[in-house]
């Protein structure tokens, strides 16, 4: 009896963890999973605040929350390429460290030319690469 309860509890835990993972096969029909990601690096710098989120939708468009603004942009190229259209933001003012991070992030997205997902790590590449892990941004 206790073995059945243990197996049921293990299955419930795996189901809960799977809800946090991106969905395979999305991102416009590629091997880049759709879902929610959190920015962990810009170039060789880490982002310890974990306060930038990215969502890849099934049509390949992106949206999320940067330190100060919600944002969205269509993707105009299929992976492994990456090119976004105009970034729409919520228009909040953003200064200090948060403003610098947000500006660097949006600049890197605008200049990006590639996207890949390997070993649970999403990378958007270009002159400056962005590194993401599956999950949610820190509020």
C-alpha atoms as a PDB file:
ATOM      1  CA  UNK A   1       0.000   0.000   0.000  1.00  0.00           C
ATOM      2  CA  UNK A   2       2.758   2.463   0.933  1.00  0.00           C
ATOM      3  CA  UNK A   3       4.518   1.671  -2.359  1.00  0.00           C
ATOM      4  CA  UNK A   4       1.399   2.711  -4.309  1.00  0.00           C
ATOM      5  CA  UNK A   5       1.156   5.946  -2.310  1.00  0.00           C
ATOM      6  CA  UNK A   6       4.862   6.632  -2.931  1.00  0.00           C
ATOM      7  CA  UNK A   7       4.463   6.022  -6.672  1.00  0.00           C
ATOM      8  CA  UNK A   8       1.383   8.254  -6.807  1.00  0.00           C
ATOM      9  CA  UNK A   9       3.218  11.016  -4.949  1.00  0.00           C
ATOM     10  CA  UNK A  10       6.208  10.707  -7.309  1.00  0.00           C
ATOM     11  CA  UNK A  11       3.904  10.927 -10.340  1.00  0.00           C
ATOM     12  CA  UNK A  12       2.216  14.028  -8.910  1.00  0.00           C
ATOM     13  CA  UNK A  13       5.604  15.693  -8.340  1.00  0.00           C
ATOM     14  CA  UNK A  14       6.735  14.945 -11.895  1.00  0.00           C
ATOM     15  CA  UNK A  15       3.492  16.352 -13.284  1.00  0.00           C
ATOM     16  CA  UNK A  16       3.945  19.549 -11.259  1.00  0.00           C
ATOM     17  CA  UNK A  17       7.545  19.934 -12.426  1.00  0.00           C
ATOM     18  CA  UNK A  18       6.592  19.321 -16.045  1.00  0.00           C
ATOM     19  CA  UNK A  19       4.208  22.287 -15.890  1.00  0.00           C
ATOM     20  CA  UNK A  20       7.252  24.568 -15.473  1.00  0.00           C
ATOM     21  CA  UNK A  21       9.028  23.242 -18.567  1.00  0.00           C
ATOM     22  CA  UNK A  22       8.601  24.715 -22.038  1.00  0.00           C
ATOM     23  CA  UNK A  23       6.519  22.682 -24.494  1.00  0.00           C
ATOM     24  CA  UNK A  24       8.575  20.779 -27.060  1.00  0.00           C
ATOM     25  CA  UNK A  25       8.106  21.321 -30.753  1.00  0.00           C
ATOM     26  CA  UNK A  26       6.814  24.896 -30.654  1.00  0.00           C
ATOM     27  CA  UNK A  27       8.315  28.202 -31.698  1.00  0.00           C
ATOM     28  CA  UNK A  28       6.796  28.120 -35.167  1.00  0.00           C
ATOM     29  CA  UNK A  29       7.255  24.382 -35.791  1.00  0.00           C
ATOM     30  CA  UNK A  30      10.897  24.065 -34.744  1.00  0.00           C
ATOM     31  CA  UNK A  31      12.879  22.363 -32.022  1.00  0.00           C
ATOM     32  CA  UNK A  32      12.808  25.558 -29.912  1.00  0.00           C
ATOM     33  CA  UNK A  33      10.143  24.895 -27.263  1.00  0.00           C
ATOM     34  CA  UNK A  34       7.382  27.386 -26.647  1.00  0.00           C
ATOM     35  CA  UNK A  35       6.869  28.530 -23.088  1.00  0.00           C
ATOM     36  CA  UNK A  36       8.278  30.738 -20.381  1.00  0.00           C
ATOM     37  CA  UNK A  37      11.961  31.482 -19.840  1.00  0.00           C
ATOM     38  CA  UNK A  38      14.000  33.657 -17.506  1.00  0.00           C
ATOM     39  CA  UNK A  39      17.091  35.598 -18.606  1.00  0.00           C
ATOM     40  CA  UNK A  40      20.235  34.392 -16.822  1.00  0.00           C
ATOM     41  CA  UNK A  41      22.933  36.024 -18.960  1.00  0.00           C
ATOM     42  CA  UNK A  42      23.700  38.804 -21.402  1.00  0.00           C
ATOM     43  CA  UNK A  43      26.972  38.103 -23.178  1.00  0.00           C
ATOM     44  CA  UNK A  44      29.475  37.002 -20.541  1.00  0.00           C
ATOM     45  CA  UNK A  45      27.573  38.810 -17.761  1.00  0.00           C
ATOM     46  CA  UNK A  46      25.126  37.013 -15.484  1.00  0.00           C
ATOM     47  CA  UNK A  47      21.737  38.461 -14.591  1.00  0.00           C
ATOM     48  CA  UNK A  48      21.464  37.558 -10.903  1.00  0.00           C
ATOM     49  CA  UNK A  49      18.164  39.410 -10.401  1.00  0.00           C
ATOM     50  CA  UNK A  50      16.320  36.966 -12.689  1.00  0.00           C
ATOM     51  CA  UNK A  51      13.888  39.822 -13.405  1.00  0.00           C
ATOM     52  CA  UNK A  52      13.576  39.503 -17.193  1.00  0.00           C
ATOM     53  CA  UNK A  53      11.085  37.012 -18.565  1.00  0.00           C
ATOM     54  CA  UNK A  54      10.494  35.819 -22.119  1.00  0.00           C
ATOM     55  CA  UNK A  55       7.586  33.811 -23.487  1.00  0.00           C
ATOM     56  CA  UNK A  56       7.824  32.145 -26.886  1.00  0.00           C
ATOM     57  CA  UNK A  57       4.352  31.673 -28.334  1.00  0.00           C
ATOM     58  CA  UNK A  58       3.318  28.871 -30.698  1.00  0.00           C
ATOM     59  CA  UNK A  59       3.420  31.286 -33.666  1.00  0.00           C
ATOM     60  CA  UNK A  60       7.028  32.220 -32.785  1.00  0.00           C
ATOM     61  CA  UNK A  61       6.195  35.683 -31.459  1.00  0.00           C
ATOM     62  CA  UNK A  62       7.763  36.742 -28.181  1.00  0.00           C
ATOM     63  CA  UNK A  63       6.478  38.628 -25.161  1.00  0.00           C
ATOM     64  CA  UNK A  64       7.499  39.115 -21.586  1.00  0.00           C
ATOM     65  CA  UNK A  65       8.373  41.413 -18.741  1.00  0.00           C
ATOM     66  CA  UNK A  66      11.663  43.306 -18.593  1.00  0.00           C
ATOM     67  CA  UNK A  67      12.682  45.095 -15.379  1.00  0.00           C
ATOM     68  CA  UNK A  68      10.276  47.983 -16.054  1.00  0.00           C
ATOM     69  CA  UNK A  69       8.106  47.213 -19.077  1.00  0.00           C
ATOM     70  CA  UNK A  70       5.940  44.495 -20.541  1.00  0.00           C
ATOM     71  CA  UNK A  71       6.960  43.901 -24.149  1.00  0.00           C
ATOM     72  CA  UNK A  72       5.940  41.983 -27.255  1.00  0.00           C
ATOM     73  CA  UNK A  73       7.331  41.491 -30.747  1.00  0.00           C
ATOM     74  CA  UNK A  74       6.590  39.317 -33.760  1.00  0.00           C
ATOM     75  CA  UNK A  75       9.313  37.003 -35.010  1.00  0.00           C
ATOM     76  CA  UNK A  76       9.894  37.444 -38.736  1.00  0.00           C
ATOM     77  CA  UNK A  77      12.312  34.536 -39.340  1.00  0.00           C
ATOM     78  CA  UNK A  78      11.997  30.833 -38.622  1.00  0.00           C
ATOM     79  CA  UNK A  79      14.524  29.193 -36.257  1.00  0.00           C
ATOM     80  CA  UNK A  80      17.393  28.574 -36.261  1.00  0.00           C
ATOM     81  CA  UNK A  81      17.256  32.158 -37.521  1.00  0.00           C
ATOM     82  CA  UNK A  82      15.908  34.851 -35.245  1.00  0.00           C
ATOM     83  CA  UNK A  83      14.754  38.279 -36.293  1.00  0.00           C
ATOM     84  CA  UNK A  84      12.027  40.228 -34.566  1.00  0.00           C
ATOM     85  CA  UNK A  85       9.834  43.031 -35.773  1.00  0.00           C
ATOM     86  CA  UNK A  86       9.268  46.182 -33.785  1.00  0.00           C
ATOM     87  CA  UNK A  87       9.220  45.740 -29.995  1.00  0.00           C
ATOM     88  CA  UNK A  88       6.085  47.154 -28.383  1.00  0.00           C
ATOM     89  CA  UNK A  89       6.465  48.101 -24.707  1.00  0.00           C
ATOM     90  CA  UNK A  90       4.117  49.306 -21.999  1.00  0.00           C
ATOM     91  CA  UNK A  91       5.994  52.644 -21.989  1.00  0.00           C
ATOM     92  CA  UNK A  92       7.010  52.898 -18.338  1.00  0.00           C
ATOM     93  CA  UNK A  93      10.044  55.048 -17.598  1.00  0.00           C
ATOM     94  CA  UNK A  94      13.069  53.058 -16.566  1.00  0.00           C
ATOM     95  CA  UNK A  95      16.288  54.392 -15.039  1.00  0.00           C
ATOM     96  CA  UNK A  96      19.287  53.259 -13.011  1.00  0.00           C
ATOM     97  CA  UNK A  97      20.476  49.653 -13.158  1.00  0.00           C
ATOM     98  CA  UNK A  98      17.031  48.454 -14.235  1.00  0.00           C
ATOM     99  CA  UNK A  99      17.034  50.914 -17.136  1.00  0.00           C
ATOM    100  CA  UNK A 100      20.513  49.873 -18.254  1.00  0.00           C
ATOM    101  CA  UNK A 101      19.574  46.183 -18.126  1.00  0.00           C
ATOM    102  CA  UNK A 102      16.347  46.763 -20.039  1.00  0.00           C
ATOM    103  CA  UNK A 103      18.083  48.843 -22.729  1.00  0.00           C
ATOM    104  CA  UNK A 104      20.839  46.221 -23.139  1.00  0.00           C
ATOM    105  CA  UNK A 105      18.269  43.439 -23.355  1.00  0.00           C
ATOM    106  CA  UNK A 106      16.116  45.173 -25.972  1.00  0.00           C
ATOM    107  CA  UNK A 107      19.217  46.135 -28.005  1.00  0.00           C
ATOM    108  CA  UNK A 108      20.411  42.513 -27.988  1.00  0.00           C
ATOM    109  CA  UNK A 109      16.954  41.278 -29.086  1.00  0.00           C
ATOM    110  CA  UNK A 110      16.845  43.809 -31.942  1.00  0.00           C
ATOM    111  CA  UNK A 111      20.296  42.734 -33.209  1.00  0.00           C
ATOM    112  CA  UNK A 112      19.822  38.978 -32.720  1.00  0.00           C
ATOM    113  CA  UNK A 113      20.082  36.634 -35.688  1.00  0.00           C
ATOM    114  CA  UNK A 114      19.814  33.106 -34.253  1.00  0.00           C
ATOM    115  CA  UNK A 115      18.042  30.984 -31.651  1.00  0.00           C
ATOM    116  CA  UNK A 116      18.759  27.521 -30.252  1.00  0.00           C
ATOM    117  CA  UNK A 117      17.661  25.255 -27.422  1.00  0.00           C
ATOM    118  CA  UNK A 118      19.995  22.612 -26.059  1.00  0.00           C
ATOM    119  CA  UNK A 119      20.216  20.882 -22.696  1.00  0.00           C
ATOM    120  CA  UNK A 120      17.515  23.041 -21.128  1.00  0.00           C
ATOM    121  CA  UNK A 121      19.230  26.273 -22.187  1.00  0.00           C
ATOM    122  CA  UNK A 122      17.739  28.713 -24.693  1.00  0.00           C
ATOM    123  CA  UNK A 123      20.184  31.004 -26.458  1.00  0.00           C
ATOM    124  CA  UNK A 124      19.354  33.945 -28.671  1.00  0.00           C
ATOM    125  CA  UNK A 125      22.519  34.829 -30.557  1.00  0.00           C
ATOM    126  CA  UNK A 126      23.859  37.888 -32.310  1.00  0.00           C
ATOM    127  CA  UNK A 127      26.560  40.441 -31.549  1.00  0.00           C
ATOM    128  CA  UNK A 128      25.540  39.937 -27.892  1.00  0.00           C
ATOM    129  CA  UNK A 129      24.014  36.604 -26.905  1.00  0.00           C
ATOM    130  CA  UNK A 130      21.157  36.142 -24.456  1.00  0.00           C
ATOM    131  CA  UNK A 131      20.982  33.016 -22.287  1.00  0.00           C
ATOM    132  CA  UNK A 132      17.703  31.809 -20.769  1.00  0.00           C
ATOM    133  CA  UNK A 133      16.565  28.934 -18.584  1.00  0.00           C
ATOM    134  CA  UNK A 134      13.019  27.587 -18.425  1.00  0.00           C
ATOM    135  CA  UNK A 135      11.006  29.264 -15.697  1.00  0.00           C
ATOM    136  CA  UNK A 136       9.459  32.463 -14.483  1.00  0.00           C
ATOM    137  CA  UNK A 137      10.989  35.871 -13.786  1.00  0.00           C
ATOM    138  CA  UNK A 138      11.463  36.989 -10.225  1.00  0.00           C
ATOM    139  CA  UNK A 139       8.825  39.524  -9.194  1.00  0.00           C
END
